[in-house]
């Protein structure tokens, strides 16, 4: 199994309804997109933050117990 297999719910199949899809998605997905923030140069003293781009981050703690080197 690799991290990419559970990066998003498109990697997990299923033929159920919206409620079960959301539950399966919440349980299976390891990654979540969050917005990287930067200071707005047009704001006074740079005190306003604005989103610059989405970045992938882990949704929860994960332990990788490989004995061989791997690339994530």
C-alpha atoms as a PDB file:
ATOM      1  CA  UNK A   1       0.000   0.000   0.000  1.00  0.00           C
ATOM      2  CA  UNK A   2       1.215   3.503  -0.753  1.00  0.00           C
ATOM      3  CA  UNK A   3       0.180   6.925   0.483  1.00  0.00           C
ATOM      4  CA  UNK A   4      -1.072   7.721  -3.012  1.00  0.00           C
ATOM      5  CA  UNK A   5      -3.606   4.900  -2.849  1.00  0.00           C
ATOM      6  CA  UNK A   6      -5.489   6.762  -0.137  1.00  0.00           C
ATOM      7  CA  UNK A   7      -4.724  10.338  -1.179  1.00  0.00           C
ATOM      8  CA  UNK A   8      -8.316  10.994  -2.182  1.00  0.00           C
ATOM      9  CA  UNK A   9     -11.608   9.219  -2.351  1.00  0.00           C
ATOM     10  CA  UNK A  10     -11.280   8.644  -6.082  1.00  0.00           C
ATOM     11  CA  UNK A  11      -8.889   5.840  -5.148  1.00  0.00           C
ATOM     12  CA  UNK A  12     -11.630   4.000  -3.246  1.00  0.00           C
ATOM     13  CA  UNK A  13     -14.495   2.452  -5.166  1.00  0.00           C
ATOM     14  CA  UNK A  14     -18.059   2.131  -4.006  1.00  0.00           C
ATOM     15  CA  UNK A  15     -21.623   2.059  -5.240  1.00  0.00           C
ATOM     16  CA  UNK A  16     -23.400   3.536  -2.221  1.00  0.00           C
ATOM     17  CA  UNK A  17     -25.264   6.788  -1.581  1.00  0.00           C
ATOM     18  CA  UNK A  18     -24.027  10.228  -0.557  1.00  0.00           C
ATOM     19  CA  UNK A  19     -24.084   9.585   3.200  1.00  0.00           C
ATOM     20  CA  UNK A  20     -21.971   6.431   2.990  1.00  0.00           C
ATOM     21  CA  UNK A  21     -19.709   8.061   0.407  1.00  0.00           C
ATOM     22  CA  UNK A  22     -18.995  10.949   2.809  1.00  0.00           C
ATOM     23  CA  UNK A  23     -18.360   8.557   5.707  1.00  0.00           C
ATOM     24  CA  UNK A  24     -16.050   6.354   3.601  1.00  0.00           C
ATOM     25  CA  UNK A  25     -14.277   9.460   2.326  1.00  0.00           C
ATOM     26  CA  UNK A  26     -13.702  10.773   5.873  1.00  0.00           C
ATOM     27  CA  UNK A  27     -12.326   7.404   7.024  1.00  0.00           C
ATOM     28  CA  UNK A  28     -10.155   6.646   3.981  1.00  0.00           C
ATOM     29  CA  UNK A  29      -8.607   9.915   2.868  1.00  0.00           C
ATOM     30  CA  UNK A  30      -5.158  10.677   4.253  1.00  0.00           C
ATOM     31  CA  UNK A  31      -4.619  14.036   2.584  1.00  0.00           C
ATOM     32  CA  UNK A  32      -6.467  17.307   2.824  1.00  0.00           C
ATOM     33  CA  UNK A  33      -5.944  20.576   0.964  1.00  0.00           C
ATOM     34  CA  UNK A  34      -5.295  23.674   3.045  1.00  0.00           C
ATOM     35  CA  UNK A  35      -4.583  27.171   1.794  1.00  0.00           C
ATOM     36  CA  UNK A  36      -1.078  28.558   2.101  1.00  0.00           C
ATOM     37  CA  UNK A  37      -1.317  32.105   3.419  1.00  0.00           C
ATOM     38  CA  UNK A  38       0.805  35.110   2.538  1.00  0.00           C
ATOM     39  CA  UNK A  39       0.735  38.720   3.602  1.00  0.00           C
ATOM     40  CA  UNK A  40      -1.262  40.986   1.324  1.00  0.00           C
ATOM     41  CA  UNK A  41       1.202  43.606   0.007  1.00  0.00           C
ATOM     42  CA  UNK A  42      -1.689  46.041  -0.563  1.00  0.00           C
ATOM     43  CA  UNK A  43      -2.752  45.987   3.093  1.00  0.00           C
ATOM     44  CA  UNK A  44      -1.523  48.495   5.613  1.00  0.00           C
ATOM     45  CA  UNK A  45       1.579  47.138   7.394  1.00  0.00           C
ATOM     46  CA  UNK A  46       1.030  43.748   5.732  1.00  0.00           C
ATOM     47  CA  UNK A  47      -1.462  42.866   8.451  1.00  0.00           C
ATOM     48  CA  UNK A  48      -3.910  41.057   6.145  1.00  0.00           C
ATOM     49  CA  UNK A  49      -3.350  37.461   5.087  1.00  0.00           C
ATOM     50  CA  UNK A  50      -4.615  36.096   1.802  1.00  0.00           C
ATOM     51  CA  UNK A  51      -4.632  32.577   0.360  1.00  0.00           C
ATOM     52  CA  UNK A  52      -1.901  32.031  -2.203  1.00  0.00           C
ATOM     53  CA  UNK A  53      -2.185  28.372  -3.218  1.00  0.00           C
ATOM     54  CA  UNK A  54      -3.479  25.067  -1.888  1.00  0.00           C
ATOM     55  CA  UNK A  55      -1.013  22.645  -0.332  1.00  0.00           C
ATOM     56  CA  UNK A  56      -1.498  18.986   0.541  1.00  0.00           C
ATOM     57  CA  UNK A  57      -1.074  17.997   4.151  1.00  0.00           C
ATOM     58  CA  UNK A  58      -1.831  14.916   6.196  1.00  0.00           C
ATOM     59  CA  UNK A  59      -5.303  14.839   7.687  1.00  0.00           C
ATOM     60  CA  UNK A  60      -4.300  12.781  10.723  1.00  0.00           C
ATOM     61  CA  UNK A  61      -1.283  11.179  12.329  1.00  0.00           C
ATOM     62  CA  UNK A  62       0.110   8.341  10.252  1.00  0.00           C
ATOM     63  CA  UNK A  63       2.882   5.910  11.123  1.00  0.00           C
ATOM     64  CA  UNK A  64       4.999   4.453   8.327  1.00  0.00           C
ATOM     65  CA  UNK A  65       6.601   1.270   9.626  1.00  0.00           C
ATOM     66  CA  UNK A  66       8.621   0.227   6.588  1.00  0.00           C
ATOM     67  CA  UNK A  67      11.923  -1.502   7.179  1.00  0.00           C
ATOM     68  CA  UNK A  68      13.127  -0.642   3.671  1.00  0.00           C
ATOM     69  CA  UNK A  69      13.686   2.964   2.514  1.00  0.00           C
ATOM     70  CA  UNK A  70      10.727   4.482   0.718  1.00  0.00           C
ATOM     71  CA  UNK A  71       9.767   7.705  -0.947  1.00  0.00           C
ATOM     72  CA  UNK A  72       6.590   9.469   0.140  1.00  0.00           C
END
